[in-house]
C-alpha atoms as a PDB file:
ATOM      1  CA  MET A   1      88.722  81.208  94.825  1.00  0.00           C
ATOM      2  CA  LYS A   2      89.827  83.125  97.894  1.00  0.00           C
ATOM      3  CA  ILE A   3      93.142  82.129  99.523  1.00  0.00           C
ATOM      4  CA  GLU A   4      94.272  83.493 102.909  1.00  0.00           C
ATOM      5  CA  TRP A   5      97.425  83.127 104.984  1.00  0.00           C
ATOM      6  CA  ILE A   6      97.115  81.325 108.315  1.00  0.00           C
ATOM      7  CA  HIS A   7      98.265  83.316 111.356  1.00  0.00           C
ATOM      8  CA  CYS A   8      99.897  81.862 114.462  1.00  0.00           C
ATOM      9  CA  PRO A   9      97.452  81.849 117.403  1.00  0.00           C
ATOM     10  CA  VAL A  10     100.283  82.615 119.866  1.00  0.00           C
ATOM     11  CA  CYS A  11     102.200  85.514 118.298  1.00  0.00           C
ATOM     12  CA  GLY A  12      99.874  86.524 115.437  1.00  0.00           C
ATOM     13  CA  ASN A  13     102.578  86.330 112.763  1.00  0.00           C
ATOM     14  CA  ARG A  14     101.841  84.837 109.363  1.00  0.00           C
ATOM     15  CA  THR A  15     102.795  81.167 108.979  1.00  0.00           C
ATOM     16  CA  ARG A  16     103.971  79.366 105.841  1.00  0.00           C
ATOM     17  CA  LEU A  17     100.519  77.868 105.281  1.00  0.00           C
ATOM     18  CA  GLN A  18      97.723  79.141 103.105  1.00  0.00           C
ATOM     19  CA  MET A  19      94.081  78.109 103.271  1.00  0.00           C
ATOM     20  CA  ARG A  20      91.447  78.049 100.535  1.00  0.00           C
ATOM     21  CA  GLU A  21      87.721  78.568 101.046  1.00  0.00           C
ATOM     22  CA  ASN A  22      86.987  74.849 100.619  1.00  0.00           C
ATOM     23  CA  THR A  23      89.714  73.584 103.003  1.00  0.00           C
ATOM     24  CA  GLU A  24      88.585  71.648 106.088  1.00  0.00           C
ATOM     25  CA  TRP A  25      90.913  71.588 109.101  1.00  0.00           C
ATOM     26  CA  LYS A  26      90.322  68.742 111.554  1.00  0.00           C
ATOM     27  CA  ASN A  27      92.703  68.173 114.474  1.00  0.00           C
ATOM     28  CA  PHE A  28      95.471  70.173 112.795  1.00  0.00           C
ATOM     29  CA  LEU A  29      98.361  71.190 115.042  1.00  0.00           C
ATOM     30  CA  LEU A  30      99.390  74.751 114.177  1.00  0.00           C
ATOM     31  CA  TYR A  31     102.584  76.273 115.552  1.00  0.00           C
ATOM     32  CA  CYS A  32     104.825  79.195 114.746  1.00  0.00           C
ATOM     33  CA  GLN A  33     107.943  78.521 112.667  1.00  0.00           C
ATOM     34  CA  LYS A  34     110.045  81.015 114.636  1.00  0.00           C
END
């Protein structure tokens, strides 16, 4: 199973979240921790 880090859409830095191939994101608010 492939797992990838999620990157912030604003600054491009890696967030604390990881996503698997079978993960579905629906209406998920993503923001940078910094």
